[in-house]
Amino acid sequence: MDVKLPLCSLIILLAAINGNGLQKMDMRIEQVHSSPHMHHHMDPSLIVFFFVEDLTVGNTIPIYFPSRGLDSASARLLPKEEADSIPFSSDQLNHLLEVYSFPQGSPQATAMEDTLRQCETKPIKGETKTCPTSWGSMLDFASSIIGSGTKIKILSTTHITPSIAVLQKYKIMGVVEYPASKVVACHTMPYPYAVFYCHYQESQSRVFNVSLTGENGDRVEAVAVCHMDTSQWSHNHVSFKVLGIEPGSSPVCHFFPADNFVCVP
C-alpha cells in the first residue's frame, strides 16, 4: 500500500482501525509459538531476512508473511489522552497484569514484559526510537523525524490475493526503489492495546516495493527495507544468525509484514 496523506487525513484513516486487543494479542502469541519449525528448524517468523543482491527479478526466496493486516494490527487503538494515562513501564508490570487479568508467567505476561523491555532498551548509536502507545504519538514521532508539515507517505505490504500459507517460496516479479532521504519504520508489538516500535537510523536505508508471486499463486506487493550499515548493531541481532554474517559485514534486508509500515517523505 502506498498512501500519501497530510497528517490530519492520516489520523482519520488510522482512527478507523479497531478491534479487540486482548483476543488478537492471544491469537498472535499462539500463532508464533505453535508454528512448526521449518527452514532448518528455524522459527518461521524469522524467515524475512535476505541480502540486497537477492532482490533480482526472477529470483525465488522463502518468505514468512503472517496473516495479519494493518486494518487488524493486533490491538485496539486508544486515543492519545487515554493511552498516555496508562502506565507503560516495566516497573508497573505487576499492576498492569492485574489490570488485564493476565497470570504471572502466562504467554501474555511474557509478551508484555518483552515489549516493555525492548521499548526501554537504549537505542544504538545513530538510532532514534520510541514506542508510541497511540496513533497520535506515532504521528508526532514520524513528523519530528521527517519534518513538521511534510506530507508523510505510508508504505505497507499488501496481499493482492488472500492466503492461508504463511511460509512459502515467492518469485520476484518486479522491484521498485523508493527514493527516501529519511525512513521511519514502525513494527507492531504484542500488547493489550496498540503499541508500535518506531525507529529511525541515521545510516542509509533503502526502501523497495517488491512484486511477488507465491508457489501457490499468491500475489503480494511487499515492502522491503535494506539497512546498508549494520556495524552498530548488536552481535546478537537475529538477522546475523539467520544470514550467517557479522555486524557491518553486509547490508541486511527484510520484508515487512502487512501490519507493519514505513513512513517516508
C-alpha atoms as a PDB file:
ATOM      1  CA  MET A   1       0.000   0.000   0.000  1.00  0.00           C
ATOM      2  CA  ASP A   2       1.290   3.427  -0.930  1.00  0.00           C
ATOM      3  CA  VAL A   3      -0.628   6.300   0.621  1.00  0.00           C
ATOM      4  CA  LYS A   4       0.436   9.938   0.718  1.00  0.00           C
ATOM      5  CA  LEU A   5      -1.636  11.998   3.114  1.00  0.00           C
ATOM      6  CA  PRO A   6      -1.429  15.134   5.213  1.00  0.00           C
ATOM      7  CA  LEU A   7      -1.183  14.328   8.901  1.00  0.00           C
ATOM      8  CA  CYS A   8      -4.798  15.253   9.668  1.00  0.00           C
ATOM      9  CA  SER A   9      -6.101  12.868   6.991  1.00  0.00           C
ATOM     10  CA  LEU A  10      -3.773  10.121   8.182  1.00  0.00           C
ATOM     11  CA  ILE A  11      -5.158  10.383  11.702  1.00  0.00           C
ATOM     12  CA  ILE A  12      -8.690   9.929  10.367  1.00  0.00           C
ATOM     13  CA  LEU A  13      -7.618   6.912   8.296  1.00  0.00           C
ATOM     14  CA  LEU A  14      -5.862   5.180  11.180  1.00  0.00           C
ATOM     15  CA  ALA A  15      -8.598   6.026  13.676  1.00  0.00           C
ATOM     16  CA  ALA A  16     -10.954   3.864  11.636  1.00  0.00           C
ATOM     17  CA  ILE A  17      -8.879   0.800  12.501  1.00  0.00           C
ATOM     18  CA  ASN A  18     -10.197  -1.047  15.544  1.00  0.00           C
ATOM     19  CA  GLY A  19     -10.532  -4.461  17.130  1.00  0.00           C
ATOM     20  CA  ASN A  20     -10.387  -6.422  20.362  1.00  0.00           C
ATOM     21  CA  GLY A  21      -6.794  -6.081  21.507  1.00  0.00           C
ATOM     22  CA  LEU A  22      -6.778  -8.838  24.125  1.00  0.00           C
ATOM     23  CA  GLN A  23      -8.162 -11.516  21.813  1.00  0.00           C
ATOM     24  CA  LYS A  24      -5.864 -10.575  18.947  1.00  0.00           C
ATOM     25  CA  MET A  25      -2.885 -10.487  21.272  1.00  0.00           C
ATOM     26  CA  ASP A  26      -3.722 -14.064  22.324  1.00  0.00           C
ATOM     27  CA  MET A  27      -4.006 -15.163  18.698  1.00  0.00           C
ATOM     28  CA  ARG A  28      -0.705 -13.578  17.739  1.00  0.00           C
ATOM     29  CA  ILE A  29       1.186 -15.237  20.602  1.00  0.00           C
ATOM     30  CA  GLU A  30      -0.349 -18.633  19.841  1.00  0.00           C
ATOM     31  CA  GLN A  31       0.490 -18.327  16.156  1.00  0.00           C
ATOM     32  CA  VAL A  32       4.163 -17.618  16.809  1.00  0.00           C
ATOM     33  CA  HIS A  33       4.686 -20.247  19.498  1.00  0.00           C
ATOM     34  CA  SER A  34       2.669 -23.042  17.886  1.00  0.00           C
ATOM     35  CA  SER A  35       4.071 -22.720  14.362  1.00  0.00           C
ATOM     36  CA  PRO A  36       6.083 -25.765  13.246  1.00  0.00           C
ATOM     37  CA  HIS A  37       9.782 -25.120  12.829  1.00  0.00           C
ATOM     38  CA  MET A  38      10.831 -25.125   9.217  1.00  0.00           C
ATOM     39  CA  HIS A  39      13.788 -23.950   7.157  1.00  0.00           C
ATOM     40  CA  HIS A  40      16.451 -25.916   9.071  1.00  0.00           C
ATOM     41  CA  HIS A  41      14.474 -25.857  12.346  1.00  0.00           C
ATOM     42  CA  MET A  42      14.379 -22.063  12.342  1.00  0.00           C
ATOM     43  CA  ASP A  43      11.455 -20.159  13.804  1.00  0.00           C
ATOM     44  CA  PRO A  44       9.490 -19.451  10.598  1.00  0.00           C
ATOM     45  CA  SER A  45       8.734 -15.900  11.708  1.00  0.00           C
ATOM     46  CA  LEU A  46      12.448 -15.135  11.197  1.00  0.00           C
ATOM     47  CA  ILE A  47      12.388 -16.066   7.520  1.00  0.00           C
ATOM     48  CA  VAL A  48      12.079 -12.473   6.377  1.00  0.00           C
ATOM     49  CA  PHE A  49      15.761 -11.512   6.146  1.00  0.00           C
ATOM     50  CA  PHE A  50      17.764 -11.531   2.930  1.00  0.00           C
ATOM     51  CA  PHE A  51      20.715  -9.922   1.130  1.00  0.00           C
ATOM     52  CA  VAL A  52      20.318  -6.892  -1.116  1.00  0.00           C
ATOM     53  CA  GLU A  53      21.686  -8.898  -4.054  1.00  0.00           C
ATOM     54  CA  ASP A  54      18.728 -11.278  -3.647  1.00  0.00           C
ATOM     55  CA  LEU A  55      16.432  -8.523  -4.970  1.00  0.00           C
ATOM     56  CA  THR A  56      16.672  -9.749  -8.536  1.00  0.00           C
ATOM     57  CA  VAL A  57      13.703 -10.257 -10.842  1.00  0.00           C
ATOM     58  CA  GLY A  58      13.227 -13.976 -11.374  1.00  0.00           C
ATOM     59  CA  ASN A  59      14.889 -14.949  -8.108  1.00  0.00           C
ATOM     60  CA  THR A  60      12.949 -17.240  -5.740  1.00  0.00           C
ATOM     61  CA  ILE A  61      13.220 -16.942  -1.956  1.00  0.00           C
ATOM     62  CA  PRO A  62      11.230 -18.278   1.022  1.00  0.00           C
ATOM     63  CA  ILE A  63       9.336 -15.602   2.969  1.00  0.00           C
ATOM     64  CA  TYR A  64       7.151 -15.706   6.063  1.00  0.00           C
ATOM     65  CA  PHE A  65       4.113 -13.421   5.842  1.00  0.00           C
ATOM     66  CA  PRO A  66       1.815 -13.718   8.896  1.00  0.00           C
ATOM     67  CA  SER A  67      -1.892 -13.491   8.190  1.00  0.00           C
ATOM     68  CA  ARG A  68      -2.330 -10.093   9.813  1.00  0.00           C
ATOM     69  CA  GLY A  69      -3.101  -6.785   8.175  1.00  0.00           C
ATOM     70  CA  LEU A  70      -2.773  -3.126   9.034  1.00  0.00           C
ATOM     71  CA  ASP A  71      -6.558  -3.000   9.410  1.00  0.00           C
ATOM     72  CA  SER A  72      -6.333  -5.523  12.261  1.00  0.00           C
ATOM     73  CA  ALA A  73      -2.977  -4.572  13.708  1.00  0.00           C
ATOM     74  CA  SER A  74      -3.088  -6.911  16.706  1.00  0.00           C
ATOM     75  CA  ALA A  75      -4.632  -4.431  19.134  1.00  0.00           C
ATOM     76  CA  ARG A  76      -7.337  -1.850  19.612  1.00  0.00           C
ATOM     77  CA  LEU A  77      -6.411   1.765  19.178  1.00  0.00           C
ATOM     78  CA  LEU A  78      -6.601   4.208  22.037  1.00  0.00           C
ATOM     79  CA  PRO A  79      -6.935   7.985  21.907  1.00  0.00           C
ATOM     80  CA  LYS A  80      -3.676   9.681  22.863  1.00  0.00           C
ATOM     81  CA  GLU A  81      -5.138  11.060  26.085  1.00  0.00           C
ATOM     82  CA  GLU A  82      -6.296   7.616  27.224  1.00  0.00           C
ATOM     83  CA  ALA A  83      -3.071   5.856  26.208  1.00  0.00           C
ATOM     84  CA  ASP A  84      -0.970   8.485  27.979  1.00  0.00           C
ATOM     85  CA  SER A  85      -2.951   7.927  31.187  1.00  0.00           C
ATOM     86  CA  ILE A  86      -1.996   4.218  31.345  1.00  0.00           C
ATOM     87  CA  PRO A  87       1.412   3.335  32.855  1.00  0.00           C
ATOM     88  CA  PHE A  88       3.819   1.967  30.245  1.00  0.00           C
ATOM     89  CA  SER A  89       6.800   0.810  32.261  1.00  0.00           C
ATOM     90  CA  SER A  90       8.319  -2.490  33.338  1.00  0.00           C
ATOM     91  CA  ASP A  91       8.247  -1.121  36.892  1.00  0.00           C
ATOM     92  CA  GLN A  92       4.452  -1.226  36.647  1.00  0.00           C
ATOM     93  CA  LEU A  93       4.250  -4.699  35.069  1.00  0.00           C
ATOM     94  CA  ASN A  94       2.659  -6.418  38.069  1.00  0.00           C
ATOM     95  CA  HIS A  95      -0.001  -3.725  38.267  1.00  0.00           C
ATOM     96  CA  LEU A  96      -0.650  -3.968  34.518  1.00  0.00           C
ATOM     97  CA  LEU A  97      -1.032  -7.751  34.701  1.00  0.00           C
ATOM     98  CA  GLU A  98      -3.679  -7.290  37.377  1.00  0.00           C
ATOM     99  CA  VAL A  99      -5.488  -4.690  35.282  1.00  0.00           C
ATOM    100  CA  TYR A 100      -5.638  -7.014  32.261  1.00  0.00           C
ATOM    101  CA  SER A 101      -6.115 -10.214  34.313  1.00  0.00           C
ATOM    102  CA  PHE A 102      -3.036 -11.965  32.914  1.00  0.00           C
ATOM    103  CA  PRO A 103      -1.435 -14.510  35.296  1.00  0.00           C
ATOM    104  CA  GLN A 104       2.258 -14.204  36.077  1.00  0.00           C
ATOM    105  CA  GLY A 105       4.257 -16.427  33.732  1.00  0.00           C
ATOM    106  CA  SER A 106       1.490 -16.682  31.134  1.00  0.00           C
ATOM    107  CA  PRO A 107       2.339 -16.182  27.435  1.00  0.00           C
ATOM    108  CA  GLN A 108       0.557 -12.824  27.556  1.00  0.00           C
ATOM    109  CA  ALA A 109       2.552 -11.705  30.600  1.00  0.00           C
ATOM    110  CA  THR A 110       5.812 -12.782  28.974  1.00  0.00           C
ATOM    111  CA  ALA A 111       4.922 -10.928  25.775  1.00  0.00           C
ATOM    112  CA  MET A 112       4.076  -7.746  27.680  1.00  0.00           C
ATOM    113  CA  GLU A 113       7.343  -7.962  29.620  1.00  0.00           C
ATOM    114  CA  ASP A 114       9.341  -8.467  26.411  1.00  0.00           C
ATOM    115  CA  THR A 115       7.634  -5.497  24.764  1.00  0.00           C
ATOM    116  CA  LEU A 116       8.335  -3.213  27.713  1.00  0.00           C
ATOM    117  CA  ARG A 117      11.960  -4.360  27.874  1.00  0.00           C
ATOM    118  CA  GLN A 118      12.536  -3.744  24.164  1.00  0.00           C
ATOM    119  CA  CYS A 119      10.937  -0.325  24.407  1.00  0.00           C
ATOM    120  CA  GLU A 120      13.080   0.637  27.396  1.00  0.00           C
ATOM    121  CA  THR A 121      16.381  -0.557  25.905  1.00  0.00           C
ATOM    122  CA  LYS A 122      18.678   2.311  24.953  1.00  0.00           C
ATOM    123  CA  PRO A 123      18.914   2.978  21.207  1.00  0.00           C
ATOM    124  CA  ILE A 124      22.064   2.007  19.356  1.00  0.00           C
ATOM    125  CA  LYS A 125      24.445   4.675  18.078  1.00  0.00           C
ATOM    126  CA  GLY A 126      22.785   6.747  15.369  1.00  0.00           C
ATOM    127  CA  GLU A 127      19.290   5.463  16.158  1.00  0.00           C
ATOM    128  CA  THR A 128      16.283   7.414  17.388  1.00  0.00           C
ATOM    129  CA  LYS A 129      13.444   5.280  18.663  1.00  0.00           C
ATOM    130  CA  THR A 130      10.217   5.369  20.607  1.00  0.00           C
ATOM    131  CA  CYS A 131       7.297   3.094  21.402  1.00  0.00           C
ATOM    132  CA  PRO A 132       4.141   5.091  20.698  1.00  0.00           C
ATOM    133  CA  THR A 133       1.076   3.869  22.559  1.00  0.00           C
ATOM    134  CA  SER A 134      -1.312   5.820  20.343  1.00  0.00           C
ATOM    135  CA  TRP A 135      -1.539   6.875  16.719  1.00  0.00           C
ATOM    136  CA  GLY A 136      -1.163  10.477  17.787  1.00  0.00           C
ATOM    137  CA  SER A 137       2.174   9.744  19.448  1.00  0.00           C
ATOM    138  CA  MET A 138       3.326   7.746  16.438  1.00  0.00           C
ATOM    139  CA  LEU A 139       2.498  10.595  14.082  1.00  0.00           C
ATOM    140  CA  ASP A 140       4.246  13.087  16.354  1.00  0.00           C
ATOM    141  CA  PHE A 141       7.402  10.971  16.230  1.00  0.00           C
ATOM    142  CA  ALA A 142       7.308  10.467  12.453  1.00  0.00           C
ATOM    143  CA  SER A 143       6.733  14.182  11.940  1.00  0.00           C
ATOM    144  CA  SER A 144       9.657  15.083  14.220  1.00  0.00           C
ATOM    145  CA  ILE A 145      11.981  12.970  12.057  1.00  0.00           C
ATOM    146  CA  ILE A 146      10.622  13.641   8.580  1.00  0.00           C
ATOM    147  CA  GLY A 147       9.733  17.265   9.158  1.00  0.00           C
ATOM    148  CA  SER A 148       6.800  19.132  10.624  1.00  0.00           C
ATOM    149  CA  GLY A 149       4.213  19.940   7.971  1.00  0.00           C
ATOM    150  CA  THR A 150       5.720  17.484   5.490  1.00  0.00           C
ATOM    151  CA  LYS A 151       3.302  15.069   3.861  1.00  0.00           C
ATOM    152  CA  ILE A 152       4.068  11.551   5.012  1.00  0.00           C
ATOM    153  CA  LYS A 153       3.876   8.607   2.655  1.00  0.00           C
ATOM    154  CA  ILE A 154       2.813   5.385   4.376  1.00  0.00           C
ATOM    155  CA  LEU A 155       4.141   2.197   2.775  1.00  0.00           C
ATOM    156  CA  SER A 156       2.874  -1.225   3.817  1.00  0.00           C
ATOM    157  CA  THR A 157       2.759  -4.726   2.412  1.00  0.00           C
ATOM    158  CA  THR A 158      -0.451  -5.599   0.568  1.00  0.00           C
ATOM    159  CA  HIS A 159      -1.718  -9.096  -0.160  1.00  0.00           C
ATOM    160  CA  ILE A 160      -3.405  -8.911  -3.566  1.00  0.00           C
ATOM    161  CA  THR A 161      -4.865 -12.379  -3.094  1.00  0.00           C
ATOM    162  CA  PRO A 162      -5.855 -13.852   0.295  1.00  0.00           C
ATOM    163  CA  SER A 163      -3.727 -16.712   1.542  1.00  0.00           C
ATOM    164  CA  ILE A 164      -3.559 -19.154   4.437  1.00  0.00           C
ATOM    165  CA  ALA A 165       0.034 -20.136   3.662  1.00  0.00           C
ATOM    166  CA  VAL A 166       2.222 -18.013   5.922  1.00  0.00           C
ATOM    167  CA  LEU A 167       5.501 -19.522   4.722  1.00  0.00           C
ATOM    168  CA  GLN A 168       6.208 -20.364   1.112  1.00  0.00           C
ATOM    169  CA  LYS A 169       8.615 -19.643  -1.714  1.00  0.00           C
ATOM    170  CA  TYR A 170       7.991 -16.469  -3.696  1.00  0.00           C
ATOM    171  CA  LYS A 171       9.271 -15.488  -7.113  1.00  0.00           C
ATOM    172  CA  ILE A 172      10.325 -11.856  -7.501  1.00  0.00           C
ATOM    173  CA  MET A 173       8.349 -10.359 -10.387  1.00  0.00           C
ATOM    174  CA  GLY A 174       9.407  -6.724 -10.041  1.00  0.00           C
ATOM    175  CA  VAL A 175      11.441  -4.357  -7.861  1.00  0.00           C
ATOM    176  CA  VAL A 176      10.921  -0.594  -7.481  1.00  0.00           C
ATOM    177  CA  GLU A 177      13.049   1.521  -5.143  1.00  0.00           C
ATOM    178  CA  TYR A 178      11.513   4.481  -3.331  1.00  0.00           C
ATOM    179  CA  PRO A 179      13.868   7.470  -3.094  1.00  0.00           C
ATOM    180  CA  ALA A 180      13.704   8.353   0.603  1.00  0.00           C
ATOM    181  CA  SER A 181      16.059  10.640   2.487  1.00  0.00           C
ATOM    182  CA  LYS A 182      14.605   9.602   5.849  1.00  0.00           C
ATOM    183  CA  VAL A 183      12.900   6.354   6.786  1.00  0.00           C
ATOM    184  CA  VAL A 184      10.842   5.728   9.921  1.00  0.00           C
ATOM    185  CA  ALA A 185       9.927   2.075  10.397  1.00  0.00           C
ATOM    186  CA  CYS A 186       7.124   1.028  12.751  1.00  0.00           C
ATOM    187  CA  HIS A 187       6.576  -2.525  13.956  1.00  0.00           C
ATOM    188  CA  THR A 188       3.587  -3.827  15.902  1.00  0.00           C
ATOM    189  CA  MET A 189       4.348  -5.189  19.361  1.00  0.00           C
ATOM    190  CA  PRO A 190       2.288  -7.728  21.337  1.00  0.00           C
ATOM    191  CA  TYR A 191       0.341  -5.778  23.948  1.00  0.00           C
ATOM    192  CA  PRO A 192      -3.290  -5.435  25.115  1.00  0.00           C
ATOM    193  CA  TYR A 193      -3.628  -2.253  23.060  1.00  0.00           C
ATOM    194  CA  ALA A 194      -1.830  -0.739  20.082  1.00  0.00           C
ATOM    195  CA  VAL A 195       1.906  -0.325  20.641  1.00  0.00           C
ATOM    196  CA  PHE A 196       4.411   0.281  17.860  1.00  0.00           C
ATOM    197  CA  TYR A 197       8.186   0.106  17.985  1.00  0.00           C
ATOM    198  CA  CYS A 198       9.158   3.006  15.719  1.00  0.00           C
ATOM    199  CA  HIS A 199      12.737   3.899  14.900  1.00  0.00           C
ATOM    200  CA  TYR A 200      14.917   5.950  12.600  1.00  0.00           C
ATOM    201  CA  GLN A 201      18.563   5.267  11.812  1.00  0.00           C
ATOM    202  CA  GLU A 202      20.964   7.912  10.575  1.00  0.00           C
ATOM    203  CA  SER A 203      22.791   5.351   8.442  1.00  0.00           C
ATOM    204  CA  GLN A 204      21.467   4.789   4.929  1.00  0.00           C
ATOM    205  CA  SER A 205      18.365   2.678   4.471  1.00  0.00           C
ATOM    206  CA  ARG A 206      16.896   1.767   1.098  1.00  0.00           C
ATOM    207  CA  VAL A 207      13.169   1.123   0.663  1.00  0.00           C
ATOM    208  CA  PHE A 208      11.717  -1.127  -2.032  1.00  0.00           C
ATOM    209  CA  ASN A 209       8.353  -2.265  -3.306  1.00  0.00           C
ATOM    210  CA  VAL A 210       8.724  -5.889  -4.371  1.00  0.00           C
ATOM    211  CA  SER A 211       6.101  -7.657  -6.502  1.00  0.00           C
ATOM    212  CA  LEU A 212       5.934 -11.324  -5.514  1.00  0.00           C
ATOM    213  CA  THR A 213       4.131 -14.428  -6.719  1.00  0.00           C
ATOM    214  CA  GLY A 214       3.962 -17.404  -4.346  1.00  0.00           C
ATOM    215  CA  GLU A 215       4.377 -21.022  -5.337  1.00  0.00           C
ATOM    216  CA  ASN A 216       0.625 -21.482  -4.768  1.00  0.00           C
ATOM    217  CA  GLY A 217      -0.247 -18.426  -6.876  1.00  0.00           C
ATOM    218  CA  ASP A 218      -0.466 -15.849  -4.078  1.00  0.00           C
ATOM    219  CA  ARG A 219       0.327 -12.301  -5.173  1.00  0.00           C
ATOM    220  CA  VAL A 220       1.913  -9.836  -2.769  1.00  0.00           C
ATOM    221  CA  GLU A 221       3.096  -6.255  -3.143  1.00  0.00           C
ATOM    222  CA  ALA A 222       5.687  -6.268  -0.373  1.00  0.00           C
ATOM    223  CA  VAL A 223       7.628  -3.510   1.328  1.00  0.00           C
ATOM    224  CA  ALA A 224      11.283  -4.288   1.986  1.00  0.00           C
ATOM    225  CA  VAL A 225      13.960  -2.225   3.702  1.00  0.00           C
ATOM    226  CA  CYS A 226      17.714  -2.702   3.351  1.00  0.00           C
ATOM    227  CA  HIS A 227      19.955  -1.346   6.108  1.00  0.00           C
ATOM    228  CA  MET A 228      23.240  -0.540   4.425  1.00  0.00           C
ATOM    229  CA  ASP A 229      25.366  -0.145   7.582  1.00  0.00           C
ATOM    230  CA  THR A 230      24.899  -2.647  10.417  1.00  0.00           C
ATOM    231  CA  SER A 231      28.212  -2.000  12.165  1.00  0.00           C
ATOM    232  CA  GLN A 232      26.488  -0.580  15.271  1.00  0.00           C
ATOM    233  CA  TRP A 233      24.003  -3.431  15.630  1.00  0.00           C
ATOM    234  CA  SER A 234      24.241  -5.949  18.449  1.00  0.00           C
ATOM    235  CA  HIS A 235      26.118  -9.156  17.638  1.00  0.00           C
ATOM    236  CA  ASN A 236      23.023 -10.953  18.948  1.00  0.00           C
ATOM    237  CA  HIS A 237      20.666  -9.436  16.367  1.00  0.00           C
ATOM    238  CA  VAL A 238      18.635 -12.292  14.898  1.00  0.00           C
ATOM    239  CA  SER A 239      19.343 -11.208  11.322  1.00  0.00           C
ATOM    240  CA  PHE A 240      23.030 -12.084  11.710  1.00  0.00           C
ATOM    241  CA  LYS A 241      22.145 -15.575  12.901  1.00  0.00           C
ATOM    242  CA  VAL A 242      19.679 -16.073  10.053  1.00  0.00           C
ATOM    243  CA  LEU A 243      22.058 -14.820   7.355  1.00  0.00           C
ATOM    244  CA  GLY A 244      25.260 -16.154   8.908  1.00  0.00           C
ATOM    245  CA  ILE A 245      27.088 -12.814   8.905  1.00  0.00           C
ATOM    246  CA  GLU A 246      28.722 -10.397  11.340  1.00  0.00           C
ATOM    247  CA  PRO A 247      27.797  -6.773  12.131  1.00  0.00           C
ATOM    248  CA  GLY A 248      28.983  -4.415   9.414  1.00  0.00           C
ATOM    249  CA  SER A 249      29.971  -7.187   7.006  1.00  0.00           C
ATOM    250  CA  SER A 250      26.962  -6.802   4.718  1.00  0.00           C
ATOM    251  CA  PRO A 251      23.735  -4.836   4.325  1.00  0.00           C
ATOM    252  CA  VAL A 252      20.739  -6.551   5.918  1.00  0.00           C
ATOM    253  CA  CYS A 253      17.350  -6.508   4.204  1.00  0.00           C
ATOM    254  CA  HIS A 254      13.978  -7.662   5.466  1.00  0.00           C
ATOM    255  CA  PHE A 255      10.375  -7.784   4.328  1.00  0.00           C
ATOM    256  CA  PHE A 256       7.648  -6.075   6.325  1.00  0.00           C
ATOM    257  CA  PRO A 257       4.513  -7.976   7.352  1.00  0.00           C
ATOM    258  CA  ALA A 258       1.254  -6.289   6.416  1.00  0.00           C
ATOM    259  CA  ASP A 259       0.649  -4.909   9.919  1.00  0.00           C
ATOM    260  CA  ASN A 260       3.982  -3.047   9.960  1.00  0.00           C
ATOM    261  CA  PHE A 261       4.681   0.048   7.917  1.00  0.00           C
ATOM    262  CA  VAL A 262       7.284   2.553   6.795  1.00  0.00           C
ATOM    263  CA  CYS A 263       6.949   6.339   6.872  1.00  0.00           C
ATOM    264  CA  VAL A 264       8.847   8.306   4.224  1.00  0.00           C
ATOM    265  CA  PRO A 265       8.568  11.904   2.955  1.00  0.00           C
END
